[in-house]
Amino acid sequence: MIEKFPKPEENSFEDDPSTGEALENERERDTRREQEVARKIKTLETQAEVDPLTGLLNRRGFGVIVRERYENLKDDPKRPTVVMADIDFFKRVNDTFGHEAGDKVLQQVAEHLRKNVREDDVVARLGGEEFALILNDVPEGSVAQLTESLRARISELDVEWEGKRIPITMSFGIADGNTAKTIKDALAAADRALYAAKEGGRNRVSYLSELSAEAA
């Protein structure tokens, strides 16, 4: 004898409105959590590319930007101009006035550089007293003038600490973007020009084409 059991009532999860709503809410919570994690990761990445003292790009951030600029303009004969800059005798500032005073100098120099370049230009602090700039689409004859203007204004900065004025000067080295065909070439050329500026007495601007002419 075959015993017959009553057919169970169909009551799947899909047919239960409250269960479907709960699943949808859970999916929304998962999405929000994923978005929050993504935002935190992006914030950490941004922080990793910014110098906390000055708010400028740090060495890592500068490397990212300069690679992007050169990659975007790899087929353009007018490449960005790279400028290296260094605060002269910065160790004396720290030794004479203290590291807090040195931090104030770095912050004011950074703010001055940022305010006196165009919005599309880039300013970074590479570490210590060393800074770098990327100047976009500047006529060759104007690069040295712009950099000289930055140098002159830096020397006029009124940085005071505990009632005493801290004298500040800066040396600059320029690499011609049209001469340097790769990022590595541009950075190396700007470094050589900066070295020449310091060897030449500091508080001056050296331009790679000038160095080439002198070497010839």
N, C-alpha and C. Protein backbone atom coordinates (compact mmCIF):
# COMPACT_ATOMS: atom_id res chain seq x y z
N MET A 1 0.85 -1.19 0.00
CA MET A 1 0.00 0.00 0.00
C MET A 1 0.88 1.23 0.00
N ILE A 2 0.61 2.11 -0.89
CA ILE A 2 1.38 3.35 -1.00
C ILE A 2 0.66 4.44 -0.22
N GLU A 3 1.41 4.99 0.78
CA GLU A 3 0.80 6.05 1.59
C GLU A 3 0.99 7.39 0.90
N LYS A 4 -0.02 8.11 0.78
CA LYS A 4 0.05 9.41 0.12
C LYS A 4 0.13 10.51 1.17
N PHE A 5 1.10 11.41 0.93
CA PHE A 5 1.26 12.55 1.83
C PHE A 5 0.76 13.81 1.14
N PRO A 6 0.23 14.71 1.89
CA PRO A 6 -0.26 15.95 1.26
C PRO A 6 0.90 16.75 0.68
N LYS A 7 0.68 17.34 -0.47
CA LYS A 7 1.70 18.16 -1.14
C LYS A 7 1.98 19.40 -0.31
N PRO A 8 3.26 19.67 0.01
CA PRO A 8 3.57 20.86 0.83
C PRO A 8 3.24 22.14 0.07
N GLU A 9 2.89 23.12 0.84
CA GLU A 9 2.56 24.40 0.24
C GLU A 9 3.83 25.06 -0.28
N GLU A 10 3.73 25.62 -1.48
CA GLU A 10 4.89 26.31 -2.06
C GLU A 10 5.10 27.63 -1.32
N ASN A 11 6.32 27.78 -0.76
CA ASN A 11 6.60 29.00 0.01
C ASN A 11 8.10 29.28 -0.08
N SER A 12 8.59 29.49 -1.32
CA SER A 12 10.01 29.73 -1.54
C SER A 12 10.42 31.10 -1.02
N PHE A 13 11.78 31.26 -0.84
CA PHE A 13 12.29 32.54 -0.37
C PHE A 13 11.99 33.66 -1.36
N GLU A 14 11.97 33.28 -2.67
CA GLU A 14 11.71 34.30 -3.66
C GLU A 14 10.30 34.87 -3.52
N ASP A 15 9.38 34.02 -3.02
CA ASP A 15 8.00 34.48 -2.92
C ASP A 15 7.73 35.25 -1.63
N ASP A 16 8.72 35.26 -0.73
CA ASP A 16 8.53 35.96 0.55
C ASP A 16 9.05 37.39 0.40
N PRO A 17 8.16 38.37 0.39
CA PRO A 17 8.60 39.76 0.19
C PRO A 17 9.61 40.22 1.23
N SER A 18 9.43 39.81 2.47
CA SER A 18 10.34 40.27 3.52
C SER A 18 11.74 39.71 3.33
N THR A 19 11.81 38.44 2.83
CA THR A 19 13.13 37.85 2.58
C THR A 19 13.82 38.55 1.42
N GLY A 20 13.11 38.86 0.36
CA GLY A 20 13.68 39.57 -0.78
C GLY A 20 14.19 40.94 -0.39
N GLU A 21 13.45 41.62 0.46
CA GLU A 21 13.86 42.95 0.92
C GLU A 21 15.13 42.85 1.76
N ALA A 22 15.20 41.80 2.60
CA ALA A 22 16.38 41.61 3.45
C ALA A 22 17.62 41.36 2.60
N LEU A 23 17.46 40.54 1.54
CA LEU A 23 18.59 40.26 0.65
C LEU A 23 19.05 41.53 -0.06
N GLU A 24 18.11 42.35 -0.50
CA GLU A 24 18.45 43.60 -1.18
C GLU A 24 19.18 44.55 -0.24
N ASN A 25 18.72 44.62 1.01
CA ASN A 25 19.38 45.47 1.99
C ASN A 25 20.81 45.00 2.25
N GLU A 26 20.98 43.67 2.31
CA GLU A 26 22.31 43.11 2.53
C GLU A 26 23.25 43.45 1.37
N ARG A 27 22.73 43.36 0.14
CA ARG A 27 23.54 43.71 -1.02
C ARG A 27 23.94 45.18 -0.98
N GLU A 28 23.02 46.04 -0.57
CA GLU A 28 23.31 47.48 -0.47
C GLU A 28 24.38 47.73 0.59
N ARG A 29 24.29 47.01 1.71
CA ARG A 29 25.30 47.17 2.77
C ARG A 29 26.67 46.72 2.27
N ASP A 30 26.69 45.61 1.52
CA ASP A 30 27.96 45.12 0.96
C ASP A 30 28.55 46.14 0.00
N THR A 31 27.70 46.74 -0.83
CA THR A 31 28.16 47.74 -1.78
C THR A 31 28.74 48.96 -1.05
N ARG A 32 28.03 49.40 0.00
CA ARG A 32 28.52 50.56 0.76
C ARG A 32 29.86 50.25 1.43
N ARG A 33 29.99 49.02 1.97
CA ARG A 33 31.24 48.63 2.60
C ARG A 33 32.39 48.62 1.58
N GLU A 34 32.10 48.08 0.39
CA GLU A 34 33.13 48.05 -0.66
C GLU A 34 33.53 49.47 -1.07
N GLN A 35 32.55 50.36 -1.18
CA GLN A 35 32.85 51.74 -1.55
C GLN A 35 33.66 52.43 -0.47
N GLU A 36 33.34 52.15 0.78
CA GLU A 36 34.07 52.76 1.88
C GLU A 36 35.51 52.27 1.91
N VAL A 37 35.70 50.98 1.68
CA VAL A 37 37.06 50.43 1.62
C VAL A 37 37.84 51.06 0.47
N ALA A 38 37.18 51.22 -0.69
CA ALA A 38 37.83 51.83 -1.85
C ALA A 38 38.23 53.27 -1.54
N ARG A 39 37.35 54.01 -0.84
CA ARG A 39 37.66 55.41 -0.48
C ARG A 39 38.86 55.47 0.47
N LYS A 40 38.89 54.54 1.43
CA LYS A 40 40.01 54.53 2.38
C LYS A 40 41.32 54.20 1.68
N ILE A 41 41.27 53.25 0.76
CA ILE A 41 42.47 52.90 0.01
C ILE A 41 42.95 54.09 -0.81
N LYS A 42 42.00 54.79 -1.46
CA LYS A 42 42.36 55.96 -2.27
C LYS A 42 42.97 57.05 -1.40
N THR A 43 42.40 57.24 -0.19
CA THR A 43 42.93 58.25 0.73
C THR A 43 44.35 57.91 1.15
N LEU A 44 44.58 56.63 1.45
CA LEU A 44 45.92 56.20 1.84
C LEU A 44 46.91 56.37 0.69
N GLU A 45 46.46 56.06 -0.53
CA GLU A 45 47.34 56.24 -1.70
C GLU A 45 47.67 57.70 -1.89
N THR A 46 46.66 58.57 -1.71
CA THR A 46 46.90 60.01 -1.85
C THR A 46 47.86 60.50 -0.79
N GLN A 47 47.65 60.06 0.45
CA GLN A 47 48.53 60.47 1.54
C GLN A 47 49.95 60.00 1.28
N ALA A 48 50.09 58.84 0.67
CA ALA A 48 51.42 58.30 0.39
C ALA A 48 52.15 59.10 -0.66
N GLU A 49 51.44 59.93 -1.42
CA GLU A 49 52.05 60.72 -2.48
C GLU A 49 52.15 62.20 -2.13
N VAL A 50 51.79 62.56 -0.90
CA VAL A 50 51.80 63.97 -0.48
C VAL A 50 52.71 64.14 0.73
N ASP A 51 53.52 65.19 0.70
CA ASP A 51 54.38 65.52 1.82
C ASP A 51 53.54 66.14 2.93
N PRO A 52 53.46 65.54 4.11
CA PRO A 52 52.57 66.05 5.16
C PRO A 52 52.96 67.43 5.70
N LEU A 53 54.23 67.78 5.61
CA LEU A 53 54.67 69.07 6.15
C LEU A 53 54.24 70.24 5.28
N THR A 54 54.40 70.10 3.96
CA THR A 54 54.15 71.22 3.05
C THR A 54 52.86 71.09 2.25
N GLY A 55 52.32 69.87 2.18
CA GLY A 55 51.14 69.65 1.36
C GLY A 55 51.45 69.50 -0.12
N LEU A 56 52.73 69.56 -0.48
CA LEU A 56 53.13 69.34 -1.88
C LEU A 56 53.22 67.85 -2.16
N LEU A 57 53.31 67.51 -3.44
CA LEU A 57 53.62 66.13 -3.79
C LEU A 57 54.97 65.75 -3.20
N ASN A 58 55.12 64.50 -2.80
CA ASN A 58 56.42 64.02 -2.36
C ASN A 58 57.14 63.37 -3.54
N ARG A 59 58.26 62.71 -3.28
CA ARG A 59 59.04 62.11 -4.36
C ARG A 59 58.22 61.08 -5.14
N ARG A 60 57.46 60.27 -4.42
CA ARG A 60 56.64 59.26 -5.09
C ARG A 60 55.58 59.91 -5.97
N GLY A 61 54.88 60.91 -5.43
CA GLY A 61 53.85 61.59 -6.20
C GLY A 61 54.41 62.30 -7.41
N PHE A 62 55.58 62.92 -7.23
CA PHE A 62 56.24 63.60 -8.34
C PHE A 62 56.59 62.61 -9.44
N GLY A 63 57.08 61.42 -9.04
CA GLY A 63 57.42 60.41 -10.03
C GLY A 63 56.22 59.98 -10.85
N VAL A 64 55.09 59.84 -10.19
CA VAL A 64 53.86 59.45 -10.89
C VAL A 64 53.47 60.51 -11.91
N ILE A 65 53.47 61.78 -11.48
CA ILE A 65 53.03 62.87 -12.35
C ILE A 65 53.99 63.07 -13.52
N VAL A 66 55.28 63.05 -13.25
CA VAL A 66 56.23 63.33 -14.33
C VAL A 66 56.19 62.21 -15.37
N ARG A 67 55.97 60.97 -14.92
CA ARG A 67 55.84 59.89 -15.90
C ARG A 67 54.60 60.07 -16.76
N GLU A 68 53.50 60.48 -16.13
CA GLU A 68 52.26 60.71 -16.88
C GLU A 68 52.45 61.82 -17.90
N ARG A 69 53.09 62.91 -17.48
CA ARG A 69 53.27 64.05 -18.38
C ARG A 69 54.12 63.66 -19.59
N TYR A 70 55.21 62.94 -19.34
CA TYR A 70 56.08 62.55 -20.44
C TYR A 70 55.41 61.52 -21.33
N GLU A 71 54.63 60.61 -20.73
CA GLU A 71 53.94 59.59 -21.52
C GLU A 71 52.90 60.24 -22.42
N ASN A 72 52.15 61.21 -21.87
CA ASN A 72 51.11 61.88 -22.65
C ASN A 72 51.69 62.71 -23.79
N LEU A 73 52.93 63.17 -23.61
CA LEU A 73 53.53 64.05 -24.61
C LEU A 73 54.71 63.39 -25.32
N LYS A 74 54.73 62.06 -25.32
CA LYS A 74 55.90 61.38 -25.89
C LYS A 74 56.08 61.65 -27.38
N ASP A 75 54.99 61.96 -28.07
CA ASP A 75 55.08 62.25 -29.50
C ASP A 75 55.05 63.75 -29.79
N ASP A 76 55.05 64.55 -28.74
CA ASP A 76 55.01 66.00 -28.88
C ASP A 76 56.43 66.54 -28.73
N PRO A 77 56.91 67.33 -29.69
CA PRO A 77 58.28 67.86 -29.58
C PRO A 77 58.46 68.81 -28.40
N LYS A 78 57.36 69.38 -27.89
CA LYS A 78 57.46 70.30 -26.75
C LYS A 78 57.12 69.55 -25.48
N ARG A 79 58.15 69.01 -24.84
CA ARG A 79 57.95 68.27 -23.59
C ARG A 79 58.03 69.22 -22.39
N PRO A 80 57.52 68.77 -21.24
CA PRO A 80 57.58 69.62 -20.05
C PRO A 80 59.03 69.91 -19.64
N THR A 81 59.22 71.04 -19.01
CA THR A 81 60.54 71.41 -18.49
C THR A 81 60.62 71.00 -17.03
N VAL A 82 61.70 70.31 -16.66
CA VAL A 82 61.92 69.88 -15.28
C VAL A 82 62.91 70.83 -14.62
N VAL A 83 62.56 71.30 -13.43
CA VAL A 83 63.42 72.20 -12.66
C VAL A 83 63.67 71.58 -11.29
N MET A 84 64.93 71.49 -10.91
CA MET A 84 65.30 71.06 -9.57
C MET A 84 65.72 72.28 -8.77
N ALA A 85 65.36 72.30 -7.49
CA ALA A 85 65.68 73.46 -6.66
C ALA A 85 66.08 73.00 -5.26
N ASP A 86 66.96 73.77 -4.65
CA ASP A 86 67.49 73.38 -3.34
C ASP A 86 67.69 74.64 -2.49
N ILE A 87 67.21 74.59 -1.24
CA ILE A 87 67.42 75.73 -0.33
C ILE A 87 68.90 75.74 0.07
N ASP A 88 69.53 76.89 -0.11
CA ASP A 88 70.96 77.00 0.18
C ASP A 88 71.22 76.98 1.69
N PHE A 89 72.26 76.25 2.08
CA PHE A 89 72.72 76.21 3.47
C PHE A 89 71.58 75.93 4.46
N PHE A 90 70.71 75.02 4.08
CA PHE A 90 69.56 74.75 4.95
C PHE A 90 69.98 74.15 6.29
N LYS A 91 71.06 73.39 6.30
CA LYS A 91 71.54 72.82 7.56
C LYS A 91 71.86 73.91 8.56
N ARG A 92 72.36 75.05 8.09
CA ARG A 92 72.66 76.16 8.99
C ARG A 92 71.39 76.67 9.67
N VAL A 93 70.27 76.67 8.93
CA VAL A 93 69.00 77.11 9.51
C VAL A 93 68.64 76.21 10.68
N ASN A 94 68.71 74.89 10.47
CA ASN A 94 68.38 73.96 11.54
C ASN A 94 69.35 74.08 12.71
N ASP A 95 70.63 74.22 12.39
CA ASP A 95 71.64 74.29 13.45
C ASP A 95 71.53 75.58 14.25
N THR A 96 71.19 76.67 13.57
CA THR A 96 71.16 77.98 14.23
C THR A 96 69.83 78.25 14.92
N PHE A 97 68.73 77.92 14.26
CA PHE A 97 67.41 78.30 14.77
C PHE A 97 66.59 77.10 15.28
N GLY A 98 66.99 75.89 14.93
CA GLY A 98 66.26 74.72 15.37
C GLY A 98 65.40 74.13 14.26
N HIS A 99 64.99 72.89 14.46
CA HIS A 99 64.25 72.17 13.41
C HIS A 99 62.84 72.73 13.21
N GLU A 100 62.24 73.27 14.23
CA GLU A 100 60.91 73.86 14.05
C GLU A 100 60.99 75.07 13.13
N ALA A 101 62.05 75.85 13.30
CA ALA A 101 62.26 76.98 12.40
C ALA A 101 62.52 76.49 10.98
N GLY A 102 63.28 75.40 10.87
CA GLY A 102 63.53 74.82 9.55
C GLY A 102 62.24 74.37 8.88
N ASP A 103 61.33 73.80 9.67
CA ASP A 103 60.03 73.38 9.12
C ASP A 103 59.24 74.59 8.62
N LYS A 104 59.31 75.68 9.36
CA LYS A 104 58.60 76.89 8.94
C LYS A 104 59.16 77.42 7.62
N VAL A 105 60.48 77.37 7.48
CA VAL A 105 61.11 77.79 6.23
C VAL A 105 60.63 76.92 5.06
N LEU A 106 60.61 75.62 5.26
CA LEU A 106 60.16 74.70 4.22
C LEU A 106 58.72 74.98 3.82
N GLN A 107 57.87 75.25 4.81
CA GLN A 107 56.46 75.52 4.52
C GLN A 107 56.29 76.81 3.74
N GLN A 108 57.04 77.85 4.11
CA GLN A 108 56.89 79.13 3.42
C GLN A 108 57.48 79.08 2.01
N VAL A 109 58.59 78.38 1.85
CA VAL A 109 59.17 78.22 0.51
C VAL A 109 58.19 77.44 -0.37
N ALA A 110 57.62 76.37 0.18
CA ALA A 110 56.67 75.56 -0.58
C ALA A 110 55.46 76.39 -1.00
N GLU A 111 54.95 77.18 -0.08
CA GLU A 111 53.78 78.01 -0.40
C GLU A 111 54.13 79.05 -1.45
N HIS A 112 55.31 79.62 -1.37
CA HIS A 112 55.73 80.62 -2.35
C HIS A 112 55.84 79.99 -3.75
N LEU A 113 56.46 78.83 -3.83
CA LEU A 113 56.60 78.17 -5.13
C LEU A 113 55.22 77.82 -5.71
N ARG A 114 54.34 77.32 -4.86
CA ARG A 114 53.02 76.91 -5.33
C ARG A 114 52.22 78.10 -5.85
N LYS A 115 52.34 79.24 -5.19
CA LYS A 115 51.56 80.42 -5.58
C LYS A 115 52.10 81.11 -6.81
N ASN A 116 53.36 80.86 -7.13
CA ASN A 116 53.98 81.62 -8.21
C ASN A 116 54.25 80.81 -9.47
N VAL A 117 53.57 79.68 -9.60
CA VAL A 117 53.56 78.94 -10.86
C VAL A 117 52.11 78.84 -11.32
N ARG A 118 51.92 78.40 -12.55
CA ARG A 118 50.57 78.31 -13.09
C ARG A 118 49.85 77.07 -12.55
N GLU A 119 48.55 77.07 -12.70
CA GLU A 119 47.74 75.99 -12.15
C GLU A 119 48.12 74.63 -12.72
N ASP A 120 48.53 74.61 -13.98
CA ASP A 120 48.85 73.34 -14.63
C ASP A 120 50.28 72.87 -14.36
N ASP A 121 51.09 73.72 -13.73
CA ASP A 121 52.45 73.33 -13.37
C ASP A 121 52.42 72.49 -12.09
N VAL A 122 53.51 71.82 -11.82
CA VAL A 122 53.58 70.92 -10.66
C VAL A 122 54.76 71.30 -9.78
N VAL A 123 54.52 71.33 -8.46
CA VAL A 123 55.59 71.58 -7.50
C VAL A 123 55.63 70.42 -6.51
N ALA A 124 56.82 69.93 -6.21
CA ALA A 124 56.95 68.81 -5.28
C ALA A 124 58.13 69.03 -4.35
N ARG A 125 58.02 68.46 -3.17
CA ARG A 125 59.16 68.41 -2.26
C ARG A 125 59.69 66.98 -2.29
N LEU A 126 60.90 66.83 -2.79
CA LEU A 126 61.46 65.50 -2.97
C LEU A 126 62.02 64.92 -1.68
N GLY A 127 62.29 65.80 -0.72
CA GLY A 127 62.86 65.36 0.55
C GLY A 127 63.83 66.40 1.05
N GLY A 128 63.93 66.54 2.39
CA GLY A 128 64.83 67.53 2.94
C GLY A 128 64.52 68.92 2.40
N GLU A 129 65.55 69.58 1.88
CA GLU A 129 65.37 70.93 1.33
C GLU A 129 65.30 70.93 -0.19
N GLU A 130 65.09 69.76 -0.79
CA GLU A 130 65.09 69.63 -2.25
C GLU A 130 63.67 69.65 -2.81
N PHE A 131 63.47 70.49 -3.82
CA PHE A 131 62.17 70.63 -4.47
C PHE A 131 62.33 70.37 -5.96
N ALA A 132 61.20 70.12 -6.63
CA ALA A 132 61.21 69.93 -8.07
C ALA A 132 59.95 70.54 -8.66
N LEU A 133 60.07 71.02 -9.89
CA LEU A 133 58.93 71.61 -10.59
C LEU A 133 58.82 71.02 -11.99
N ILE A 134 57.60 70.90 -12.47
CA ILE A 134 57.34 70.55 -13.86
C ILE A 134 56.59 71.73 -14.47
N LEU A 135 57.21 72.38 -15.46
CA LEU A 135 56.61 73.53 -16.12
C LEU A 135 56.15 73.11 -17.50
N ASN A 136 54.89 73.31 -17.77
CA ASN A 136 54.29 72.83 -19.01
C ASN A 136 54.17 73.93 -20.06
N ASP A 137 54.59 73.61 -21.26
CA ASP A 137 54.38 74.47 -22.42
C ASP A 137 54.86 75.90 -22.17
N VAL A 138 56.09 76.01 -21.68
CA VAL A 138 56.70 77.33 -21.47
C VAL A 138 57.70 77.57 -22.59
N PRO A 139 57.60 78.69 -23.30
CA PRO A 139 58.58 78.98 -24.35
C PRO A 139 59.99 78.93 -23.80
N GLU A 140 60.92 78.44 -24.61
CA GLU A 140 62.30 78.24 -24.14
C GLU A 140 62.88 79.50 -23.52
N GLY A 141 62.66 80.63 -24.12
CA GLY A 141 63.23 81.86 -23.59
C GLY A 141 62.59 82.32 -22.30
N SER A 142 61.42 81.79 -21.98
CA SER A 142 60.70 82.23 -20.78
C SER A 142 60.98 81.38 -19.56
N VAL A 143 61.50 80.17 -19.77
CA VAL A 143 61.74 79.26 -18.64
C VAL A 143 62.73 79.87 -17.66
N ALA A 144 63.86 80.33 -18.18
CA ALA A 144 64.89 80.91 -17.32
C ALA A 144 64.37 82.16 -16.62
N GLN A 145 63.56 82.97 -17.33
CA GLN A 145 63.01 84.19 -16.72
C GLN A 145 62.06 83.85 -15.57
N LEU A 146 61.20 82.85 -15.80
CA LEU A 146 60.27 82.43 -14.75
C LEU A 146 61.02 81.91 -13.53
N THR A 147 62.01 81.08 -13.78
CA THR A 147 62.78 80.49 -12.67
C THR A 147 63.59 81.56 -11.94
N GLU A 148 64.14 82.49 -12.68
CA GLU A 148 64.88 83.59 -12.06
C GLU A 148 63.97 84.43 -11.18
N SER A 149 62.73 84.63 -11.62
CA SER A 149 61.76 85.36 -10.82
C SER A 149 61.47 84.63 -9.50
N LEU A 150 61.34 83.31 -9.57
CA LEU A 150 61.12 82.51 -8.36
C LEU A 150 62.31 82.67 -7.41
N ARG A 151 63.51 82.57 -7.97
CA ARG A 151 64.72 82.69 -7.15
C ARG A 151 64.78 84.04 -6.44
N ALA A 152 64.52 85.11 -7.20
CA ALA A 152 64.60 86.46 -6.63
C ALA A 152 63.57 86.65 -5.52
N ARG A 153 62.37 86.15 -5.72
CA ARG A 153 61.33 86.33 -4.71
C ARG A 153 61.61 85.50 -3.46
N ILE A 154 62.20 84.32 -3.65
CA ILE A 154 62.57 83.51 -2.49
C ILE A 154 63.56 84.27 -1.61
N SER A 155 64.50 84.93 -2.25
CA SER A 155 65.52 85.66 -1.49
C SER A 155 64.93 86.84 -0.72
N GLU A 156 63.72 87.24 -1.10
CA GLU A 156 63.05 88.36 -0.41
C GLU A 156 62.04 87.89 0.63
N LEU A 157 61.92 86.58 0.80
CA LEU A 157 60.96 86.06 1.77
C LEU A 157 61.30 86.55 3.17
N ASP A 158 60.28 86.96 3.89
CA ASP A 158 60.48 87.47 5.24
C ASP A 158 60.08 86.38 6.24
N VAL A 159 61.03 85.49 6.51
CA VAL A 159 60.78 84.39 7.45
C VAL A 159 61.36 84.78 8.81
N GLU A 160 60.51 84.88 9.80
CA GLU A 160 60.96 85.27 11.13
C GLU A 160 60.77 84.12 12.11
N TRP A 161 61.70 84.05 13.05
CA TRP A 161 61.60 83.04 14.09
C TRP A 161 62.12 83.63 15.40
N GLU A 162 61.22 83.72 16.37
CA GLU A 162 61.55 84.26 17.69
C GLU A 162 62.20 85.64 17.57
N GLY A 163 61.59 86.45 16.71
CA GLY A 163 62.04 87.84 16.56
C GLY A 163 63.24 88.03 15.67
N LYS A 164 63.74 86.97 15.08
CA LYS A 164 64.91 87.08 14.21
C LYS A 164 64.53 86.68 12.78
N ARG A 165 65.11 87.39 11.81
CA ARG A 165 64.86 87.07 10.40
C ARG A 165 65.79 85.97 9.94
N ILE A 166 65.24 84.99 9.26
CA ILE A 166 66.04 83.89 8.72
C ILE A 166 66.30 84.16 7.24
N PRO A 167 67.54 84.41 6.86
CA PRO A 167 67.83 84.66 5.43
C PRO A 167 67.70 83.38 4.61
N ILE A 168 67.01 83.48 3.50
CA ILE A 168 66.77 82.30 2.66
C ILE A 168 67.17 82.61 1.22
N THR A 169 67.94 81.73 0.63
CA THR A 169 68.19 81.78 -0.82
C THR A 169 68.02 80.36 -1.37
N MET A 170 67.91 80.28 -2.69
CA MET A 170 67.64 79.00 -3.31
C MET A 170 68.37 78.90 -4.65
N SER A 171 68.87 77.72 -4.96
CA SER A 171 69.52 77.47 -6.24
C SER A 171 68.60 76.61 -7.11
N PHE A 172 68.65 76.86 -8.43
CA PHE A 172 67.76 76.17 -9.37
C PHE A 172 68.56 75.60 -10.54
N GLY A 173 68.16 74.43 -10.98
CA GLY A 173 68.73 73.81 -12.18
C GLY A 173 67.63 73.45 -13.15
N ILE A 174 67.77 73.87 -14.41
CA ILE A 174 66.72 73.68 -15.42
C ILE A 174 67.18 72.68 -16.48
N ALA A 175 66.31 71.74 -16.81
CA ALA A 175 66.56 70.82 -17.93
C ALA A 175 65.59 71.17 -19.05
N ASP A 176 66.13 71.44 -20.21
CA ASP A 176 65.30 71.75 -21.37
C ASP A 176 64.50 70.52 -21.78
N GLY A 177 63.17 70.62 -21.72
CA GLY A 177 62.33 69.49 -22.06
C GLY A 177 62.49 69.03 -23.50
N ASN A 178 62.87 69.92 -24.39
CA ASN A 178 63.02 69.56 -25.79
C ASN A 178 64.33 68.80 -26.05
N THR A 179 65.30 69.01 -25.16
CA THR A 179 66.58 68.32 -25.29
C THR A 179 66.53 66.95 -24.63
N ALA A 180 65.90 66.89 -23.45
CA ALA A 180 65.80 65.63 -22.72
C ALA A 180 64.64 64.81 -23.29
N LYS A 181 64.96 63.68 -23.89
CA LYS A 181 63.94 62.89 -24.58
C LYS A 181 63.23 61.90 -23.65
N THR A 182 63.82 61.60 -22.50
CA THR A 182 63.20 60.67 -21.58
C THR A 182 63.13 61.30 -20.19
N ILE A 183 62.33 60.70 -19.34
CA ILE A 183 62.22 61.19 -17.96
C ILE A 183 63.59 61.13 -17.29
N LYS A 184 64.26 60.00 -17.46
CA LYS A 184 65.57 59.81 -16.84
C LYS A 184 66.54 60.89 -17.28
N ASP A 185 66.54 61.21 -18.57
CA ASP A 185 67.42 62.26 -19.10
C ASP A 185 67.09 63.61 -18.48
N ALA A 186 65.79 63.91 -18.38
CA ALA A 186 65.36 65.21 -17.86
C ALA A 186 65.77 65.39 -16.40
N LEU A 187 65.54 64.36 -15.60
CA LEU A 187 65.89 64.45 -14.18
C LEU A 187 67.39 64.55 -13.98
N ALA A 188 68.13 63.77 -14.75
CA ALA A 188 69.59 63.80 -14.63
C ALA A 188 70.13 65.16 -15.07
N ALA A 189 69.57 65.71 -16.14
CA ALA A 189 70.03 67.02 -16.63
C ALA A 189 69.73 68.12 -15.62
N ALA A 190 68.53 68.08 -15.03
CA ALA A 190 68.17 69.10 -14.04
C ALA A 190 69.07 68.99 -12.82
N ASP A 191 69.40 67.76 -12.43
CA ASP A 191 70.32 67.57 -11.29
C ASP A 191 71.69 68.15 -11.59
N ARG A 192 72.19 67.92 -12.82
CA ARG A 192 73.50 68.47 -13.20
C ARG A 192 73.47 69.99 -13.18
N ALA A 193 72.38 70.55 -13.67
CA ALA A 193 72.26 72.01 -13.68
C ALA A 193 72.20 72.56 -12.26
N LEU A 194 71.48 71.88 -11.38
CA LEU A 194 71.41 72.32 -9.98
C LEU A 194 72.79 72.26 -9.33
N TYR A 195 73.51 71.19 -9.60
CA TYR A 195 74.87 71.06 -9.05
C TYR A 195 75.75 72.22 -9.52
N ALA A 196 75.61 72.57 -10.79
CA ALA A 196 76.39 73.69 -11.33
C ALA A 196 76.01 75.00 -10.66
N ALA A 197 74.73 75.18 -10.37
CA ALA A 197 74.29 76.41 -9.69
C ALA A 197 74.92 76.51 -8.31
N LYS A 198 75.00 75.40 -7.61
CA LYS A 198 75.60 75.42 -6.28
C LYS A 198 77.11 75.62 -6.36
N GLU A 199 77.72 74.96 -7.32
CA GLU A 199 79.16 75.13 -7.50
C GLU A 199 79.50 76.56 -7.93
N GLY A 200 78.56 77.20 -8.61
CA GLY A 200 78.79 78.56 -9.10
C GLY A 200 78.56 79.63 -8.05
N GLY A 201 78.25 79.24 -6.84
CA GLY A 201 78.11 80.22 -5.77
C GLY A 201 76.76 80.22 -5.08
N ARG A 202 75.82 79.39 -5.54
CA ARG A 202 74.47 79.30 -4.96
C ARG A 202 73.66 80.57 -5.23
N ASN A 203 72.39 80.51 -4.87
CA ASN A 203 71.48 81.63 -5.10
C ASN A 203 71.51 82.06 -6.57
N ARG A 204 71.41 81.07 -7.44
CA ARG A 204 71.44 81.37 -8.87
C ARG A 204 70.68 80.29 -9.63
N VAL A 205 70.47 80.55 -10.93
CA VAL A 205 69.77 79.62 -11.82
C VAL A 205 70.75 79.14 -12.88
N SER A 206 70.83 77.84 -13.07
CA SER A 206 71.66 77.29 -14.14
C SER A 206 70.76 76.56 -15.13
N TYR A 207 71.02 76.77 -16.40
CA TYR A 207 70.21 76.20 -17.47
C TYR A 207 71.06 75.22 -18.25
N LEU A 208 70.51 74.06 -18.57
CA LEU A 208 71.29 72.99 -19.20
C LEU A 208 71.94 73.46 -20.50
N SER A 209 71.22 74.22 -21.33
CA SER A 209 71.79 74.64 -22.60
C SER A 209 73.01 75.52 -22.38
N GLU A 210 72.97 76.33 -21.28
CA GLU A 210 74.13 77.17 -20.95
C GLU A 210 75.33 76.30 -20.59
N LEU A 211 75.06 75.24 -19.81
CA LEU A 211 76.14 74.33 -19.42
C LEU A 211 76.74 73.65 -20.65
N SER A 212 75.87 73.25 -21.58
CA SER A 212 76.35 72.58 -22.79
C SER A 212 77.24 73.51 -23.59
N ALA A 213 76.83 74.78 -23.67
CA ALA A 213 77.61 75.75 -24.42
C ALA A 213 78.97 75.99 -23.77
N GLU A 214 78.98 76.03 -22.41
CA GLU A 214 80.23 76.24 -21.71
C GLU A 214 81.17 75.05 -21.91
N ALA A 215 80.55 73.83 -21.88
CA ALA A 215 81.37 72.63 -22.05
C ALA A 215 81.97 72.57 -23.45
N ALA A 216 81.21 73.06 -24.44
CA ALA A 216 81.73 73.05 -25.80
C ALA A 216 82.85 74.06 -25.96
